Amino acid sequence: MGCVNSSNSSDQLGIIHNNDFDDNLQTNPSILSSLISCFEAQNHDEDATPTEHAIPIEPVSQPETQLQMLAIAPLERGSHQQRRYAQFIHPAVLERGLVESIDVAYPTSGKGFVLIINYSHSRQGSEKDVTKLVGFFQHELQHSVLLGNNNMTREELRAFFEDVKKSIDARFYCFICIVMAHGNEKGIITSDGKVQSYNEIIETFDNRNMSAFAGRPKLFLINACRGDRRPWTMPFDFESITMDATPVHPIELVAETSDIYAVYSTVRGFVSTRDTQEGSIFIQTCVDVFQKYYKTRNVCDMTTSIRRKVQHNHMCQVSEAKTTLTKQFYLMKSQ
């Protein structure tokens, strides 16, 4: 499905409103059963009692001029008569002709906010990663990109994160944090030799600590060693390969909040490889896959492809993803 400009009507966008719901079903009878299933699943979930730590979120307004999205108004029944909801479906799913509750996606109104932190000291080639990331997220997707000061101390990094949080609000549909540094199993190594834990980085931007952004997806790409072990199958030529490692005792990282997708360049206990001429294997592959598939694939699917490509083509390194996402997450070009 191509882009739709702001002069197009809601019918061209495939938006279904309460007032013309019956008419749309008459003209599209093939989707009736799948829509009903989606609505019933949604209404069933909404009847559940909120958990003790539930954070209220503001509804996301998806303009009718937003391209390639479908808003579905749920059937009104019983206590739901005065409540309005919208579910958003990616255009690639719509082209299949079947909509199911599993296809519900995070809305993509507005830009994404991308934060890039690169510790370049003794990490030759990492500047290539920054260039490629900016090229994709800023020039291709037209997201807002912020580059952190190079080689901050741990306290400087923490203060910087607090300042960044003040800039992230409902103008943005997603938050993407990319951290590249030497690391160990606890976290990244800052310029003063201290450890900033992976878990603390993620928690800084979770729903509780960034309540104005609650319910919106947050993607973390962390390119750092998480130990000193190396894969058992390795090529013989290591001339341009180096490791981002500083080993310490192991620690488990567990995602505890929703709407977070954290992807690590390697599994716990293993090194992460970086080509001193071309940049980090993981970051370079991420951008390559995102550029090729973001228009039709969600982030989870793309990271599976990234994992496969890195493992098969680059020293058998295996990336790891931890997720608490509750909907499909897509990267979309800003309008």
Protein backbone atom coordinates (compact mmCIF):
# COMPACT_ATOMS: atom_id res chain seq x y z
CA MET A 1 0.00 0.00 0.00
CA GLY A 2 1.42 3.37 -1.00
CA CYS A 3 1.60 6.58 0.97
CA VAL A 4 -1.58 8.60 1.40
CA ASN A 5 -1.37 12.37 1.48
CA SER A 6 -3.40 14.64 3.76
CA SER A 7 -6.02 15.41 1.13
CA ASN A 8 -7.23 11.81 0.97
CA SER A 9 -10.44 10.82 2.70
CA SER A 10 -10.72 8.43 5.62
CA ASP A 11 -12.22 5.83 3.27
CA GLN A 12 -8.95 5.72 1.34
CA LEU A 13 -7.13 5.08 4.61
CA GLY A 14 -9.39 2.16 5.46
CA ILE A 15 -10.55 3.83 8.67
CA ILE A 16 -13.78 2.40 10.06
CA HIS A 17 -15.88 4.69 12.26
CA ASN A 18 -18.94 3.88 14.36
CA ASN A 19 -21.25 5.76 12.00
CA ASP A 20 -20.28 3.85 8.89
CA PHE A 21 -19.37 0.55 10.53
CA ASP A 22 -22.29 -1.39 8.99
CA ASP A 23 -21.66 0.04 5.53
CA ASN A 24 -18.01 -1.01 5.67
CA LEU A 25 -18.94 -4.53 6.68
CA GLN A 26 -21.37 -4.76 3.79
CA THR A 27 -18.66 -3.74 1.35
CA ASN A 28 -16.04 -5.88 3.07
CA PRO A 29 -17.91 -9.00 4.31
CA SER A 30 -14.76 -11.11 4.23
CA ILE A 31 -13.34 -9.41 7.30
CA LEU A 32 -16.49 -9.65 9.44
CA SER A 33 -15.55 -12.77 11.37
CA SER A 34 -11.99 -11.64 12.04
CA LEU A 35 -13.14 -8.22 13.23
CA ILE A 36 -15.65 -9.73 15.65
CA SER A 37 -12.95 -11.98 17.08
CA CYS A 38 -10.67 -9.00 17.51
CA PHE A 39 -13.38 -6.95 19.23
CA GLU A 40 -14.40 -9.73 21.59
CA ALA A 41 -10.79 -10.30 22.64
CA GLN A 42 -10.36 -6.56 23.22
CA ASN A 43 -13.55 -6.20 25.24
CA HIS A 44 -12.71 -9.26 27.33
CA ASP A 45 -9.30 -7.84 28.22
CA GLU A 46 -10.78 -4.46 29.15
CA ASP A 47 -13.05 -6.05 31.76
CA ALA A 48 -10.03 -7.14 33.79
CA THR A 49 -9.26 -5.31 37.02
CA PRO A 50 -6.13 -3.13 36.72
CA THR A 51 -3.11 -4.36 38.61
CA GLU A 52 -1.81 -2.55 41.67
CA HIS A 53 0.97 -0.87 39.71
CA ALA A 54 -1.05 -0.01 36.61
CA ILE A 55 -0.14 3.38 35.15
CA PRO A 56 -2.90 5.33 33.39
CA ILE A 57 -2.04 6.41 29.87
CA GLU A 58 -3.39 9.10 27.62
CA PRO A 59 -5.15 7.81 24.49
CA VAL A 60 -3.05 8.18 21.37
CA SER A 61 -4.62 10.32 18.69
CA GLN A 62 -4.03 8.83 15.25
CA PRO A 63 -4.87 11.49 12.62
CA GLU A 64 -6.81 10.38 9.60
CA THR A 65 -3.94 11.72 7.52
CA GLN A 66 -1.57 9.18 9.06
CA LEU A 67 -0.77 6.79 6.26
CA GLN A 68 -1.39 3.10 6.13
CA MET A 69 -3.20 2.60 9.42
CA LEU A 70 -6.59 1.11 10.22
CA ALA A 71 -8.60 2.29 13.20
CA ILE A 72 -11.34 -0.12 14.27
CA ALA A 73 -14.14 1.01 16.59
CA PRO A 74 -15.20 -1.88 18.88
CA LEU A 75 -18.76 -3.10 18.97
CA GLU A 76 -20.81 -1.25 21.57
CA ARG A 77 -22.41 -3.59 24.03
CA GLY A 78 -23.41 -3.40 27.68
CA SER A 79 -21.14 -1.25 29.84
CA HIS A 80 -18.95 -0.38 26.87
CA GLN A 81 -21.48 1.91 25.19
CA GLN A 82 -19.83 5.09 26.43
CA ARG A 83 -16.26 3.93 25.84
CA ARG A 84 -14.33 4.50 22.62
CA TYR A 85 -11.27 2.53 21.57
CA ALA A 86 -9.19 2.31 18.42
CA GLN A 87 -6.99 -0.54 17.32
CA PHE A 88 -4.24 0.08 14.78
CA ILE A 89 -3.21 -2.42 12.15
CA HIS A 90 -0.16 -2.18 9.92
CA PRO A 91 -0.83 -1.92 6.14
CA ALA A 92 1.22 -5.03 5.41
CA VAL A 93 -1.24 -6.97 7.56
CA LEU A 94 -4.23 -5.37 5.85
CA GLU A 95 -2.96 -6.54 2.48
CA ARG A 96 -3.37 -10.12 3.64
CA GLY A 97 -7.11 -9.54 3.82
CA LEU A 98 -7.43 -10.98 7.33
CA VAL A 99 -7.30 -9.01 10.59
CA GLU A 100 -6.86 -10.82 13.90
CA SER A 101 -6.35 -9.64 17.47
CA ILE A 102 -2.72 -10.75 17.32
CA ASP A 103 -2.13 -8.05 14.67
CA VAL A 104 -2.94 -5.10 16.95
CA ALA A 105 -0.02 -2.66 16.79
CA TYR A 106 1.22 0.38 18.66
CA PRO A 107 0.01 3.59 16.97
CA THR A 108 2.64 5.46 14.96
CA SER A 109 1.41 9.04 15.03
CA GLY A 110 4.30 11.52 15.19
CA LYS A 111 8.03 10.94 15.09
CA GLY A 112 10.26 8.55 16.95
CA PHE A 113 12.83 9.84 19.44
CA VAL A 114 16.24 8.20 18.98
CA LEU A 115 19.03 8.54 21.55
CA ILE A 116 22.52 7.37 20.55
CA ILE A 117 25.27 6.90 23.13
CA ASN A 118 28.69 5.87 21.80
CA TYR A 119 31.76 5.36 23.96
CA SER A 120 34.37 5.63 21.23
CA HIS A 121 37.52 5.54 23.38
CA SER A 122 39.51 2.43 22.47
CA ARG A 123 36.61 1.33 20.26
CA GLN A 124 38.01 1.98 16.81
CA GLY A 125 35.41 1.72 14.07
CA SER A 126 32.46 2.72 16.26
CA GLU A 127 32.15 6.02 14.41
CA LYS A 128 30.99 4.01 11.40
CA ASP A 129 28.11 2.70 13.52
CA VAL A 130 27.04 6.22 14.50
CA THR A 131 27.11 7.37 10.87
CA LYS A 132 24.99 4.45 9.73
CA LEU A 133 22.49 4.82 12.57
CA VAL A 134 22.01 8.53 11.92
CA GLY A 135 21.64 7.86 8.20
CA PHE A 136 18.76 5.47 8.80
CA PHE A 137 16.88 6.94 11.74
CA GLN A 138 17.32 10.63 10.90
CA HIS A 139 17.58 10.73 7.13
CA GLU A 140 15.48 7.71 6.16
CA LEU A 141 12.80 7.66 8.89
CA GLN A 142 13.09 11.39 9.68
CA HIS A 143 13.01 10.72 13.42
CA SER A 144 14.44 13.10 16.00
CA VAL A 145 17.98 11.94 16.76
CA LEU A 146 20.03 13.04 19.77
CA LEU A 147 23.72 12.16 20.06
CA GLY A 148 25.02 11.93 23.62
CA ASN A 149 28.31 13.51 24.62
CA ASN A 150 31.16 11.16 23.87
CA ASN A 151 32.74 9.18 26.73
CA MET A 152 30.75 10.41 29.75
CA THR A 153 31.44 9.34 33.32
CA ARG A 154 28.77 7.30 35.08
CA GLU A 155 27.38 10.32 36.92
CA GLU A 156 27.43 12.42 33.76
CA LEU A 157 25.58 9.67 31.91
CA ARG A 158 22.93 9.39 34.62
CA ALA A 159 22.41 13.16 34.67
CA PHE A 160 22.21 13.17 30.88
CA PHE A 161 19.51 10.49 30.93
CA GLU A 162 17.47 12.59 33.38
CA ASP A 163 17.70 15.59 31.06
CA VAL A 164 16.72 13.48 28.05
CA LYS A 165 13.57 12.25 29.78
CA LYS A 166 12.28 15.82 29.94
CA SER A 167 12.28 16.00 26.13
CA ILE A 168 10.27 12.82 25.56
CA ASP A 169 6.51 13.27 25.50
CA ALA A 170 3.38 12.45 23.51
CA ARG A 171 4.79 14.12 20.39
CA PHE A 172 6.75 10.93 19.81
CA TYR A 173 5.25 7.51 19.09
CA CYS A 174 8.30 5.55 20.22
CA PHE A 175 11.60 5.89 22.08
CA ILE A 176 14.75 4.19 20.80
CA CYS A 177 17.91 4.11 22.90
CA ILE A 178 21.13 2.81 21.34
CA VAL A 179 24.13 2.32 23.63
CA MET A 180 27.55 1.26 22.32
CA ALA A 181 30.42 0.73 24.76
CA HIS A 182 32.79 -1.73 26.41
CA GLY A 183 30.86 -3.84 28.87
CA ASN A 184 30.62 -6.85 31.11
CA GLU A 185 27.84 -8.99 32.51
CA LYS A 186 26.63 -6.20 34.79
CA GLY A 187 26.55 -3.27 32.40
CA ILE A 188 28.51 -0.86 30.25
CA ILE A 189 31.86 0.61 31.32
CA THR A 190 31.80 4.44 31.50
CA SER A 191 34.82 6.68 30.96
CA ASP A 192 35.73 6.69 34.67
CA GLY A 193 35.90 2.89 34.72
CA LYS A 194 32.61 2.45 36.61
CA VAL A 195 29.74 0.16 35.63
CA GLN A 196 26.37 1.52 34.57
CA SER A 197 24.00 -1.43 34.79
CA TYR A 198 21.90 -2.46 31.82
CA ASN A 199 18.87 -2.78 34.04
CA GLU A 200 19.19 0.78 35.34
CA ILE A 201 19.48 2.17 31.82
CA ILE A 202 16.21 0.49 30.86
CA GLU A 203 14.39 1.35 34.09
CA THR A 204 15.27 5.02 33.64
CA PHE A 205 12.88 5.15 30.71
CA ASP A 206 10.18 2.69 31.79
CA ASN A 207 6.49 3.50 32.24
CA ARG A 208 6.89 4.34 35.93
CA ASN A 209 9.82 6.74 35.48
CA MET A 210 8.46 8.26 32.28
CA SER A 211 4.71 8.21 32.95
CA ALA A 212 3.93 10.82 30.27
CA PHE A 213 5.17 8.23 27.76
CA ALA A 214 3.45 5.23 29.33
CA GLY A 215 1.98 2.73 26.89
CA ARG A 216 4.30 3.68 24.05
CA PRO A 217 7.02 1.30 22.83
CA LYS A 218 10.64 1.65 23.91
CA LEU A 219 13.41 -0.09 22.00
CA PHE A 220 16.91 -0.55 23.46
CA LEU A 221 19.82 -1.69 21.30
CA ILE A 222 22.82 -2.39 23.52
CA ASN A 223 26.08 -3.18 21.77
CA ALA A 224 28.57 -4.31 24.42
CA CYS A 225 30.28 -7.42 25.69
CA ARG A 226 28.48 -9.24 28.48
CA GLY A 227 31.38 -11.46 29.47
CA ASP A 228 34.64 -12.87 28.10
CA ARG A 229 33.52 -16.16 26.59
CA ARG A 230 33.89 -16.62 22.85
CA PRO A 231 31.76 -18.79 20.55
CA TRP A 232 33.27 -22.23 19.99
CA THR A 233 33.36 -21.84 16.19
CA MET A 234 35.62 -18.95 15.19
CA PRO A 235 37.39 -17.91 11.97
CA PHE A 236 41.17 -17.94 11.94
CA ASP A 237 41.73 -14.35 10.78
CA PHE A 238 41.37 -11.93 13.72
CA GLU A 239 43.46 -9.05 12.42
CA SER A 240 40.61 -6.50 12.28
CA ILE A 241 38.42 -7.96 15.03
CA THR A 242 38.43 -6.70 18.61
CA MET A 243 36.23 -7.27 21.65
CA ASP A 244 34.21 -4.90 23.84
CA ALA A 245 34.89 -6.84 27.04
CA THR A 246 35.66 -6.22 30.71
CA PRO A 247 34.61 -9.42 32.56
CA VAL A 248 33.21 -9.50 36.11
CA HIS A 249 30.91 -11.79 38.08
CA PRO A 250 27.60 -12.65 36.34
CA ILE A 251 24.31 -10.93 37.05
CA GLU A 252 20.85 -11.61 35.69
CA LEU A 253 18.92 -8.89 33.89
CA VAL A 254 15.14 -9.24 33.99
CA ALA A 255 12.70 -6.95 32.21
CA GLU A 256 10.09 -5.88 34.76
CA THR A 257 7.89 -3.32 32.95
CA SER A 258 5.72 -3.34 29.87
CA ASP A 259 6.26 -1.81 26.43
CA ILE A 260 10.01 -2.45 26.45
CA TYR A 261 12.03 -4.34 23.87
CA ALA A 262 15.70 -4.71 24.78
CA VAL A 263 18.10 -6.27 22.27
CA TYR A 264 21.66 -7.13 23.27
CA SER A 265 24.43 -7.69 20.76
CA THR A 266 25.39 -10.94 22.50
CA VAL A 267 24.09 -13.34 25.14
CA ARG A 268 25.14 -13.16 28.79
CA GLY A 269 28.70 -14.27 29.35
CA PHE A 270 29.94 -13.76 25.79
CA VAL A 271 31.96 -11.15 23.94
CA SER A 272 30.58 -8.80 21.28
CA THR A 273 32.62 -8.35 18.10
CA ARG A 274 33.53 -5.11 16.36
CA ASP A 275 35.41 -4.65 13.09
CA THR A 276 37.91 -1.81 13.52
CA GLN A 277 37.44 -0.80 9.88
CA GLU A 278 33.69 -1.30 9.34
CA GLY A 279 32.11 -0.93 12.78
CA SER A 280 30.21 -3.23 15.13
CA ILE A 281 28.85 -6.40 13.59
CA PHE A 282 25.58 -6.12 15.48
CA ILE A 283 24.84 -2.44 14.79
CA GLN A 284 25.74 -2.67 11.11
CA THR A 285 23.45 -5.69 10.66
CA CYS A 286 20.62 -3.98 12.57
CA VAL A 287 20.61 -1.03 10.21
CA ASP A 288 20.88 -3.23 7.12
CA VAL A 289 17.85 -5.30 8.15
CA PHE A 290 15.82 -2.28 9.31
CA GLN A 291 16.38 -0.50 6.01
CA LYS A 292 15.30 -3.52 4.00
CA TYR A 293 12.26 -4.67 5.98
CA TYR A 294 10.84 -1.88 8.18
CA LYS A 295 8.02 -1.08 5.75
CA THR A 296 6.52 -4.57 6.04
CA ARG A 297 7.91 -6.28 9.17
CA ASN A 298 7.62 -5.56 12.87
CA VAL A 299 10.65 -5.02 15.09
CA CYS A 300 10.48 -8.47 16.68
CA ASP A 301 10.53 -10.19 13.30
CA MET A 302 13.43 -8.03 12.14
CA THR A 303 15.54 -8.80 15.20
CA THR A 304 15.07 -12.51 14.55
CA SER A 305 16.53 -11.94 11.08
CA ILE A 306 19.34 -9.87 12.62
CA ARG A 307 20.17 -12.69 15.03
CA ARG A 308 20.31 -15.20 12.19
CA LYS A 309 22.51 -13.01 9.97
CA VAL A 310 24.96 -12.18 12.74
CA GLN A 311 25.24 -15.82 13.80
CA HIS A 312 25.68 -17.24 10.31
CA ASN A 313 27.90 -14.56 8.81
CA HIS A 314 29.94 -13.10 11.65
CA MET A 315 31.81 -15.40 14.03
CA CYS A 316 28.69 -17.18 15.35
CA GLN A 317 27.81 -14.29 17.66
CA VAL A 318 24.22 -14.58 18.89
CA SER A 319 22.21 -11.52 19.92
CA GLU A 320 19.54 -11.74 22.62
CA ALA A 321 16.16 -10.01 22.98
CA LYS A 322 14.10 -9.45 26.12
CA THR A 323 10.61 -8.10 25.61
CA THR A 324 7.55 -6.96 27.52
CA LEU A 325 5.84 -5.50 24.46
CA THR A 326 2.07 -5.99 24.43
CA LYS A 327 1.47 -5.11 20.78
CA GLN A 328 3.23 -5.32 17.45
CA PHE A 329 5.91 -2.62 17.12
CA TYR A 330 6.72 -1.12 13.74
CA LEU A 331 9.20 1.52 12.61
CA MET A 332 7.45 4.14 10.48
CA LYS A 333 8.72 7.09 8.50
CA SER A 334 7.62 10.39 10.02
CA GLN A 335 5.07 12.44 8.09
